[in-house]
């Protein structure tokens, strides 16, 4: 289950960065493309984010993580590149 969580974390991080790219670059350079991509990218990121949070809570119980570790992993999901850092720092085997 930890391997699946790491995959979801990577996908969530990538979708977050793609969403930022769409908001920061496409919005000015190509507003029509921005509008077309906003919903699918946002929806994918939202689903991955919710799955990330649910799996993190499940793994807290499964692996008996401290509440601090869970809090840091959840906080990392709010920061760009945070999921990659949490994978490197706390989720390695």
PDB file of N, CA and C in Angstrom:
ATOM      1  N   UNK A   1       0.821  -1.193   0.000  1.00  0.00           N
ATOM      2  CA  UNK A   1       0.000   0.000   0.000  1.00  0.00           C
ATOM      3  C   UNK A   1       0.867   1.260   0.000  1.00  0.00           C
ATOM      4  N   UNK A   2       2.035   1.183   0.614  1.00  0.00           N
ATOM      5  CA  UNK A   2       2.934   2.332   0.639  1.00  0.00           C
ATOM      6  C   UNK A   2       3.417   2.690  -0.767  1.00  0.00           C
ATOM      7  N   UNK A   3       3.672   1.673  -1.586  1.00  0.00           N
ATOM      8  CA  UNK A   3       4.098   1.922  -2.966  1.00  0.00           C
ATOM      9  C   UNK A   3       2.987   2.631  -3.747  1.00  0.00           C
ATOM     10  N   UNK A   4       1.745   2.235  -3.525  1.00  0.00           N
ATOM     11  CA  UNK A   4       0.612   2.889  -4.187  1.00  0.00           C
ATOM     12  C   UNK A   4       0.492   4.344  -3.724  1.00  0.00           C
ATOM     13  N   UNK A   5       0.688   4.579  -2.432  1.00  0.00           N
ATOM     14  CA  UNK A   5       0.643   5.939  -1.904  1.00  0.00           C
ATOM     15  C   UNK A   5       1.752   6.793  -2.508  1.00  0.00           C
ATOM     16  N   UNK A   6       2.939   6.229  -2.663  1.00  0.00           N
ATOM     17  CA  UNK A   6       4.041   6.978  -3.264  1.00  0.00           C
ATOM     18  C   UNK A   6       3.720   7.331  -4.718  1.00  0.00           C
ATOM     19  N   UNK A   7       3.061   6.423  -5.437  1.00  0.00           N
ATOM     20  CA  UNK A   7       2.653   6.703  -6.813  1.00  0.00           C
ATOM     21  C   UNK A   7       1.627   7.838  -6.847  1.00  0.00           C
ATOM     22  N   UNK A   8       0.638   7.761  -5.973  1.00  0.00           N
ATOM     23  CA  UNK A   8      -0.384   8.812  -5.906  1.00  0.00           C
ATOM     24  C   UNK A   8       0.255  10.145  -5.527  1.00  0.00           C
ATOM     25  N   UNK A   9       1.217  10.112  -4.613  1.00  0.00           N
ATOM     26  CA  UNK A   9       1.910  11.343  -4.206  1.00  0.00           C
ATOM     27  C   UNK A   9       2.643  11.959  -5.391  1.00  0.00           C
ATOM     28  N   UNK A  10       3.310  11.134  -6.183  1.00  0.00           N
ATOM     29  CA  UNK A  10       4.025  11.651  -7.354  1.00  0.00           C
ATOM     30  C   UNK A  10       3.044  12.232  -8.372  1.00  0.00           C
ATOM     31  N   UNK A  11       1.954  11.531  -8.628  1.00  0.00           N
ATOM     32  CA  UNK A  11       0.961  12.023  -9.582  1.00  0.00           C
ATOM     33  C   UNK A  11       0.300  13.305  -9.081  1.00  0.00           C
ATOM     34  N   UNK A  12       0.043  13.377  -7.790  1.00  0.00           N
ATOM     35  CA  UNK A  12      -0.553  14.583  -7.210  1.00  0.00           C
ATOM     36  C   UNK A  12       0.403  15.765  -7.341  1.00  0.00           C
ATOM     37  N   UNK A  13       1.676  15.521  -7.098  1.00  0.00           N
ATOM     38  CA  UNK A  13       2.675  16.586  -7.234  1.00  0.00           C
ATOM     39  C   UNK A  13       2.799  17.072  -8.666  1.00  0.00           C
ATOM     40  N   UNK A  14       2.785  16.142  -9.596  1.00  0.00           N
ATOM     41  CA  UNK A  14       2.869  16.504 -11.014  1.00  0.00           C
ATOM     42  C   UNK A  14       1.622  17.292 -11.427  1.00  0.00           C
ATOM     43  N   UNK A  15       0.452  16.839 -11.004  1.00  0.00           N
ATOM     44  CA  UNK A  15      -0.778  17.542 -11.382  1.00  0.00           C
ATOM     45  C   UNK A  15      -0.806  18.946 -10.781  1.00  0.00           C
ATOM     46  N   UNK A  16      -0.243  19.112  -9.594  1.00  0.00           N
ATOM     47  CA  UNK A  16      -0.163  20.432  -8.959  1.00  0.00           C
ATOM     48  C   UNK A  16       0.722  21.366  -9.782  1.00  0.00           C
ATOM     49  N   UNK A  17       1.858  20.855 -10.220  1.00  0.00           N
ATOM     50  CA  UNK A  17       2.765  21.669 -11.026  1.00  0.00           C
ATOM     51  C   UNK A  17       2.169  22.005 -12.391  1.00  0.00           C
ATOM     52  N   UNK A  18       1.468  21.055 -12.994  1.00  0.00           N
ATOM     53  CA  UNK A  18       0.818  21.313 -14.285  1.00  0.00           C
ATOM     54  C   UNK A  18      -0.287  22.357 -14.117  1.00  0.00           C
ATOM     55  N   UNK A  19      -1.009  22.275 -13.014  1.00  0.00           N
ATOM     56  CA  UNK A  19      -2.044  23.266 -12.740  1.00  0.00           C
ATOM     57  C   UNK A  19      -1.441  24.662 -12.584  1.00  0.00           C
ATOM     58  N   UNK A  20      -0.327  24.755 -11.864  1.00  0.00           N
ATOM     59  CA  UNK A  20       0.355  26.038 -11.738  1.00  0.00           C
ATOM     60  C   UNK A  20       0.844  26.546 -13.083  1.00  0.00           C
ATOM     61  N   UNK A  21       1.410  25.668 -13.890  1.00  0.00           N
ATOM     62  CA  UNK A  21       1.885  26.063 -15.215  1.00  0.00           C
ATOM     63  C   UNK A  21       0.720  26.616 -16.035  1.00  0.00           C
ATOM     64  N   UNK A  22      -0.396  25.926 -15.991  1.00  0.00           N
ATOM     65  CA  UNK A  22      -1.552  26.381 -16.753  1.00  0.00           C
ATOM     66  C   UNK A  22      -2.014  27.748 -16.262  1.00  0.00           C
ATOM     67  N   UNK A  23      -2.003  27.948 -14.947  1.00  0.00           N
ATOM     68  CA  UNK A  23      -2.470  29.223 -14.401  1.00  0.00           C
ATOM     69  C   UNK A  23      -1.480  30.358 -14.667  1.00  0.00           C
ATOM     70  N   UNK A  24      -0.187  30.077 -14.564  1.00  0.00           N
ATOM     71  CA  UNK A  24       0.794  31.149 -14.665  1.00  0.00           C
ATOM     72  C   UNK A  24       1.238  31.451 -16.095  1.00  0.00           C
ATOM     73  N   UNK A  25       1.293  30.443 -16.941  1.00  0.00           N
ATOM     74  CA  UNK A  25       1.780  30.672 -18.301  1.00  0.00           C
ATOM     75  C   UNK A  25       0.643  30.725 -19.313  1.00  0.00           C
ATOM     76  N   UNK A  26      -0.177  29.694 -19.360  1.00  0.00           N
ATOM     77  CA  UNK A  26      -1.216  29.627 -20.391  1.00  0.00           C
ATOM     78  C   UNK A  26      -2.270  30.721 -20.246  1.00  0.00           C
ATOM     79  N   UNK A  27      -2.520  31.153 -19.026  1.00  0.00           N
ATOM     80  CA  UNK A  27      -3.544  32.172 -18.819  1.00  0.00           C
ATOM     81  C   UNK A  27      -3.214  33.454 -19.578  1.00  0.00           C
ATOM     82  N   UNK A  28      -1.935  33.802 -19.621  1.00  0.00           N
ATOM     83  CA  UNK A  28      -1.521  35.009 -20.350  1.00  0.00           C
ATOM     84  C   UNK A  28      -1.211  34.726 -21.811  1.00  0.00           C
ATOM     85  N   UNK A  29      -0.524  33.618 -22.068  1.00  0.00           N
ATOM     86  CA  UNK A  29      -0.065  33.337 -23.424  1.00  0.00           C
ATOM     87  C   UNK A  29      -1.193  32.863 -24.339  1.00  0.00           C
ATOM     88  N   UNK A  30      -2.097  32.043 -23.804  1.00  0.00           N
ATOM     89  CA  UNK A  30      -3.151  31.468 -24.633  1.00  0.00           C
ATOM     90  C   UNK A  30      -4.402  31.275 -23.772  1.00  0.00           C
ATOM     91  N   UNK A  31      -5.203  32.304 -23.596  1.00  0.00           N
ATOM     92  CA  UNK A  31      -6.371  32.217 -22.708  1.00  0.00           C
ATOM     93  C   UNK A  31      -7.377  31.139 -23.095  1.00  0.00           C
ATOM     94  N   UNK A  32      -7.525  30.860 -24.394  1.00  0.00           N
ATOM     95  CA  UNK A  32      -8.461  29.820 -24.813  1.00  0.00           C
ATOM     96  C   UNK A  32      -7.989  28.445 -24.360  1.00  0.00           C
ATOM     97  N   UNK A  33      -6.704  28.177 -24.523  1.00  0.00           N
ATOM     98  CA  UNK A  33      -6.141  26.906 -24.061  1.00  0.00           C
ATOM     99  C   UNK A  33      -6.250  26.796 -22.546  1.00  0.00           C
ATOM    100  N   UNK A  34      -6.012  27.895 -21.856  1.00  0.00           N
ATOM    101  CA  UNK A  34      -6.155  27.930 -20.402  1.00  0.00           C
ATOM    102  C   UNK A  34      -7.556  27.491 -19.996  1.00  0.00           C
ATOM    103  N   UNK A  35      -8.571  28.046 -20.623  1.00  0.00           N
ATOM    104  CA  UNK A  35      -9.955  27.698 -20.294  1.00  0.00           C
ATOM    105  C   UNK A  35     -10.261  26.238 -20.590  1.00  0.00           C
ATOM    106  N   UNK A  36      -9.725  25.725 -21.696  1.00  0.00           N
ATOM    107  CA  UNK A  36      -9.972  24.332 -22.060  1.00  0.00           C
ATOM    108  C   UNK A  36      -9.307  23.356 -21.101  1.00  0.00           C
ATOM    109  N   UNK A  37      -8.140  23.716 -20.580  1.00  0.00           N
ATOM    110  CA  UNK A  37      -7.384  22.812 -19.718  1.00  0.00           C
ATOM    111  C   UNK A  37      -7.729  22.946 -18.239  1.00  0.00           C
ATOM    112  N   UNK A  38      -8.338  24.048 -17.854  1.00  0.00           N
ATOM    113  CA  UNK A  38      -8.563  24.316 -16.442  1.00  0.00           C
ATOM    114  C   UNK A  38      -9.410  23.235 -15.766  1.00  0.00           C
ATOM    115  N   UNK A  39     -10.526  22.877 -16.346  1.00  0.00           N
ATOM    116  CA  UNK A  39     -11.408  21.896 -15.715  1.00  0.00           C
ATOM    117  C   UNK A  39     -10.780  20.501 -15.642  1.00  0.00           C
ATOM    118  N   UNK A  40     -10.264  19.938 -16.742  1.00  0.00           N
ATOM    119  CA  UNK A  40      -9.714  18.573 -16.626  1.00  0.00           C
ATOM    120  C   UNK A  40      -8.494  18.487 -15.704  1.00  0.00           C
ATOM    121  N   UNK A  41      -7.623  19.477 -15.774  1.00  0.00           N
ATOM    122  CA  UNK A  41      -6.450  19.447 -14.894  1.00  0.00           C
ATOM    123  C   UNK A  41      -6.880  19.649 -13.442  1.00  0.00           C
ATOM    124  N   UNK A  42      -7.774  20.585 -13.220  1.00  0.00           N
ATOM    125  CA  UNK A  42      -8.264  20.837 -11.868  1.00  0.00           C
ATOM    126  C   UNK A  42      -8.995  19.645 -11.281  1.00  0.00           C
ATOM    127  N   UNK A  43      -9.792  18.987 -12.089  1.00  0.00           N
ATOM    128  CA  UNK A  43     -10.528  17.813 -11.619  1.00  0.00           C
ATOM    129  C   UNK A  43      -9.568  16.672 -11.283  1.00  0.00           C
ATOM    130  N   UNK A  44      -8.600  16.433 -12.154  1.00  0.00           N
ATOM    131  CA  UNK A  44      -7.622  15.374 -11.895  1.00  0.00           C
ATOM    132  C   UNK A  44      -6.833  15.675 -10.622  1.00  0.00           C
ATOM    133  N   UNK A  45      -6.417  16.914 -10.472  1.00  0.00           N
ATOM    134  CA  UNK A  45      -5.671  17.286  -9.276  1.00  0.00           C
ATOM    135  C   UNK A  45      -6.538  17.144  -8.021  1.00  0.00           C
ATOM    136  N   UNK A  46      -7.779  17.543  -8.102  1.00  0.00           N
ATOM    137  CA  UNK A  46      -8.673  17.427  -6.947  1.00  0.00           C
ATOM    138  C   UNK A  46      -8.880  15.988  -6.517  1.00  0.00           C
ATOM    139  N   UNK A  47      -9.098  15.114  -7.475  1.00  0.00           N
ATOM    140  CA  UNK A  47      -9.281  13.693  -7.159  1.00  0.00           C
ATOM    141  C   UNK A  47      -8.009  13.111  -6.552  1.00  0.00           C
ATOM    142  N   UNK A  48      -6.863  13.437  -7.141  1.00  0.00           N
ATOM    143  CA  UNK A  48      -5.595  12.931  -6.617  1.00  0.00           C
ATOM    144  C   UNK A  48      -5.304  13.481  -5.223  1.00  0.00           C
ATOM    145  N   UNK A  49      -5.655  14.727  -4.987  1.00  0.00           N
ATOM    146  CA  UNK A  49      -5.432  15.327  -3.667  1.00  0.00           C
ATOM    147  C   UNK A  49      -6.277  14.632  -2.602  1.00  0.00           C
ATOM    148  N   UNK A  50      -7.543  14.417  -2.892  1.00  0.00           N
ATOM    149  CA  UNK A  50      -8.416  13.734  -1.936  1.00  0.00           C
ATOM    150  C   UNK A  50      -7.921  12.315  -1.686  1.00  0.00           C
ATOM    151  N   UNK A  51      -7.533  11.620  -2.734  1.00  0.00           N
ATOM    152  CA  UNK A  51      -6.994  10.268  -2.585  1.00  0.00           C
ATOM    153  C   UNK A  51      -5.710  10.280  -1.761  1.00  0.00           C
ATOM    154  N   UNK A  52      -4.871  11.273  -1.966  1.00  0.00           N
ATOM    155  CA  UNK A  52      -3.638  11.429  -1.194  1.00  0.00           C
ATOM    156  C   UNK A  52      -3.943  11.578   0.292  1.00  0.00           C
ATOM    157  N   UNK A  53      -4.893  12.433   0.635  1.00  0.00           N
ATOM    158  CA  UNK A  53      -5.238  12.671   2.039  1.00  0.00           C
ATOM    159  C   UNK A  53      -5.828  11.409   2.670  1.00  0.00           C
ATOM    160  N   UNK A  54      -6.742  10.760   1.974  1.00  0.00           N
ATOM    161  CA  UNK A  54      -7.371   9.544   2.504  1.00  0.00           C
ATOM    162  C   UNK A  54      -6.328   8.450   2.712  1.00  0.00           C
ATOM    163  N   UNK A  55      -5.449   8.264   1.742  1.00  0.00           N
ATOM    164  CA  UNK A  55      -4.417   7.239   1.881  1.00  0.00           C
ATOM    165  C   UNK A  55      -3.423   7.584   2.987  1.00  0.00           C
ATOM    166  N   UNK A  56      -3.105   8.847   3.155  1.00  0.00           N
ATOM    167  CA  UNK A  56      -2.191   9.245   4.224  1.00  0.00           C
ATOM    168  C   UNK A  56      -2.798   8.915   5.587  1.00  0.00           C
ATOM    169  N   UNK A  57      -4.078   9.174   5.754  1.00  0.00           N
ATOM    170  CA  UNK A  57      -4.743   8.852   7.020  1.00  0.00           C
ATOM    171  C   UNK A  57      -4.797   7.340   7.218  1.00  0.00           C
ATOM    172  N   UNK A  58      -5.083   6.609   6.161  1.00  0.00           N
ATOM    173  CA  UNK A  58      -5.088   5.143   6.257  1.00  0.00           C
ATOM    174  C   UNK A  58      -3.708   4.614   6.645  1.00  0.00           C
ATOM    175  N   UNK A  59      -2.663   5.143   6.024  1.00  0.00           N
ATOM    176  CA  UNK A  59      -1.310   4.671   6.322  1.00  0.00           C
ATOM    177  C   UNK A  59      -0.859   5.076   7.720  1.00  0.00           C
ATOM    178  N   UNK A  60      -1.380   6.175   8.225  1.00  0.00           N
ATOM    179  CA  UNK A  60      -1.067   6.560   9.606  1.00  0.00           C
ATOM    180  C   UNK A  60      -1.522   5.472  10.570  1.00  0.00           C
ATOM    181  N   UNK A  61      -2.707   4.954  10.341  1.00  0.00           N
ATOM    182  CA  UNK A  61      -3.237   3.887  11.188  1.00  0.00           C
ATOM    183  C   UNK A  61      -2.490   2.579  10.926  1.00  0.00           C
ATOM    184  N   UNK A  62      -2.277   2.271   9.647  1.00  0.00           N
ATOM    185  CA  UNK A  62      -1.651   0.996   9.264  1.00  0.00           C
ATOM    186  C   UNK A  62      -0.217   0.883   9.777  1.00  0.00           C
ATOM    187  N   UNK A  63       0.573   1.945   9.618  1.00  0.00           N
ATOM    188  CA  UNK A  63       1.985   1.917   9.997  1.00  0.00           C
ATOM    189  C   UNK A  63       2.253   2.565  11.362  1.00  0.00           C
ATOM    190  N   UNK A  64       1.181   2.969  12.047  1.00  0.00           N
ATOM    191  CA  UNK A  64       1.298   3.586  13.372  1.00  0.00           C
ATOM    192  C   UNK A  64       2.244   4.783  13.371  1.00  0.00           C
ATOM    193  N   UNK A  65       2.024   5.672  12.389  1.00  0.00           N
ATOM    194  CA  UNK A  65       2.807   6.894  12.322  1.00  0.00           C
ATOM    195  C   UNK A  65       2.408   7.810  13.467  1.00  0.00           C
ATOM    196  N   UNK A  66       3.342   8.641  13.889  1.00  0.00           N
ATOM    197  CA  UNK A  66       3.013   9.691  14.847  1.00  0.00           C
ATOM    198  C   UNK A  66       2.167  10.737  14.143  1.00  0.00           C
ATOM    199  N   UNK A  67       1.386  11.461  14.919  1.00  0.00           N
ATOM    200  CA  UNK A  67       0.533  12.509  14.361  1.00  0.00           C
ATOM    201  C   UNK A  67       1.367  13.595  13.683  1.00  0.00           C
ATOM    202  N   UNK A  68       2.560  13.852  14.207  1.00  0.00           N
ATOM    203  CA  UNK A  68       3.443  14.862  13.616  1.00  0.00           C
ATOM    204  C   UNK A  68       3.845  14.472  12.194  1.00  0.00           C
ATOM    205  N   UNK A  69       4.161  13.191  11.992  1.00  0.00           N
ATOM    206  CA  UNK A  69       4.544  12.728  10.653  1.00  0.00           C
ATOM    207  C   UNK A  69       3.381  12.879   9.681  1.00  0.00           C
ATOM    208  N   UNK A  70       2.195  12.499  10.120  1.00  0.00           N
ATOM    209  CA  UNK A  70       1.012  12.667   9.271  1.00  0.00           C
ATOM    210  C   UNK A  70       0.802  14.136   8.942  1.00  0.00           C
ATOM    211  N   UNK A  71       0.931  14.996   9.939  1.00  0.00           N
ATOM    212  CA  UNK A  71       0.758  16.433   9.716  1.00  0.00           C
ATOM    213  C   UNK A  71       1.754  16.981   8.714  1.00  0.00           C
ATOM    214  N   UNK A  72       3.005  16.549   8.812  1.00  0.00           N
ATOM    215  CA  UNK A  72       4.020  17.020   7.863  1.00  0.00           C
ATOM    216  C   UNK A  72       3.757  16.504   6.457  1.00  0.00           C
ATOM    217  N   UNK A  73       3.316  15.267   6.344  1.00  0.00           N
ATOM    218  CA  UNK A  73       3.006  14.705   5.021  1.00  0.00           C
ATOM    219  C   UNK A  73       1.808  15.428   4.408  1.00  0.00           C
ATOM    220  N   UNK A  74       0.812  15.747   5.223  1.00  0.00           N
ATOM    221  CA  UNK A  74      -0.346  16.486   4.707  1.00  0.00           C
ATOM    222  C   UNK A  74       0.022  17.927   4.376  1.00  0.00           C
ATOM    223  N   UNK A  75       0.862  18.547   5.188  1.00  0.00           N
ATOM    224  CA  UNK A  75       1.312  19.904   4.898  1.00  0.00           C
ATOM    225  C   UNK A  75       2.111  19.957   3.602  1.00  0.00           C
ATOM    226  N   UNK A  76       2.916  18.930   3.368  1.00  0.00           N
ATOM    227  CA  UNK A  76       3.719  18.889   2.147  1.00  0.00           C
ATOM    228  C   UNK A  76       2.848  18.847   0.898  1.00  0.00           C
ATOM    229  N   UNK A  77       1.650  18.310   1.016  1.00  0.00           N
ATOM    230  CA  UNK A  77       0.775  18.238  -0.165  1.00  0.00           C
ATOM    231  C   UNK A  77       0.273  19.614  -0.586  1.00  0.00           C
ATOM    232  N   UNK A  78       0.392  20.601   0.281  1.00  0.00           N
ATOM    233  CA  UNK A  78      -0.074  21.952  -0.043  1.00  0.00           C
ATOM    234  C   UNK A  78       0.999  22.809  -0.702  1.00  0.00           C
ATOM    235  N   UNK A  79       2.234  22.336  -0.703  1.00  0.00           N
ATOM    236  CA  UNK A  79       3.354  23.102  -1.236  1.00  0.00           C
ATOM    237  C   UNK A  79       3.798  22.545  -2.588  1.00  0.00           C
ATOM    238  N   UNK A  80       4.150  23.411  -3.528  1.00  0.00           N
ATOM    239  CA  UNK A  80       4.722  22.894  -4.781  1.00  0.00           C
ATOM    240  C   UNK A  80       6.003  22.113  -4.466  1.00  0.00           C
ATOM    241  N   UNK A  81       6.162  21.003  -5.084  1.00  0.00           N
ATOM    242  CA  UNK A  81       7.278  20.071  -4.882  1.00  0.00           C
ATOM    243  C   UNK A  81       7.252  19.414  -3.497  1.00  0.00           C
ATOM    244  N   UNK A  82       6.234  19.683  -2.695  1.00  0.00           N
ATOM    245  CA  UNK A  82       6.169  19.135  -1.350  1.00  0.00           C
ATOM    246  C   UNK A  82       5.997  17.632  -1.312  1.00  0.00           C
ATOM    247  N   UNK A  83       5.204  17.089  -2.215  1.00  0.00           N
ATOM    248  CA  UNK A  83       5.000  15.642  -2.212  1.00  0.00           C
ATOM    249  C   UNK A  83       6.286  14.909  -2.588  1.00  0.00           C
ATOM    250  N   UNK A  84       7.084  15.524  -3.441  1.00  0.00           N
ATOM    251  CA  UNK A  84       8.360  14.900  -3.811  1.00  0.00           C
ATOM    252  C   UNK A  84       9.321  14.916  -2.623  1.00  0.00           C
ATOM    253  N   UNK A  85       9.310  15.997  -1.867  1.00  0.00           N
ATOM    254  CA  UNK A  85      10.157  16.091  -0.676  1.00  0.00           C
ATOM    255  C   UNK A  85       9.705  15.087   0.382  1.00  0.00           C
ATOM    256  N   UNK A  86       8.394  14.980   0.598  1.00  0.00           N
ATOM    257  CA  UNK A  86       7.909  14.042   1.603  1.00  0.00           C
ATOM    258  C   UNK A  86       8.214  12.600   1.200  1.00  0.00           C
ATOM    259  N   UNK A  87       8.167  12.307  -0.079  1.00  0.00           N
ATOM    260  CA  UNK A  87       8.547  10.974  -0.544  1.00  0.00           C
ATOM    261  C   UNK A  87      10.011  10.705  -0.257  1.00  0.00           C
ATOM    262  N   UNK A  88      10.847  11.686  -0.519  1.00  0.00           N
ATOM    263  CA  UNK A  88      12.282  11.535  -0.275  1.00  0.00           C
ATOM    264  C   UNK A  88      12.603  11.455   1.217  1.00  0.00           C
ATOM    265  N   UNK A  89      11.940  12.280   2.008  1.00  0.00           N
ATOM    266  CA  UNK A  89      12.284  12.403   3.426  1.00  0.00           C
ATOM    267  C   UNK A  89      11.646  11.330   4.302  1.00  0.00           C
ATOM    268  N   UNK A  90      10.357  11.031   4.093  1.00  0.00           N
ATOM    269  CA  UNK A  90       9.634  10.185   5.054  1.00  0.00           C
ATOM    270  C   UNK A  90       9.089   8.880   4.488  1.00  0.00           C
ATOM    271  N   UNK A  91       9.040   8.710   3.195  1.00  0.00           N
ATOM    272  CA  UNK A  91       8.379   7.533   2.653  1.00  0.00           C
ATOM    273  C   UNK A  91       9.309   6.507   2.024  1.00  0.00           C
ATOM    274  N   UNK A  92      10.597   6.743   2.096  1.00  0.00           N
ATOM    275  CA  UNK A  92      11.529   5.751   1.555  1.00  0.00           C
ATOM    276  C   UNK A  92      11.435   4.471   2.352  1.00  0.00           C
ATOM    277  N   UNK A  93      11.713   3.365   1.678  1.00  0.00           N
ATOM    278  CA  UNK A  93      11.679   2.063   2.376  1.00  0.00           C
ATOM    279  C   UNK A  93      12.873   1.921   3.286  1.00  0.00           C
TER     280      UNK A  93
END
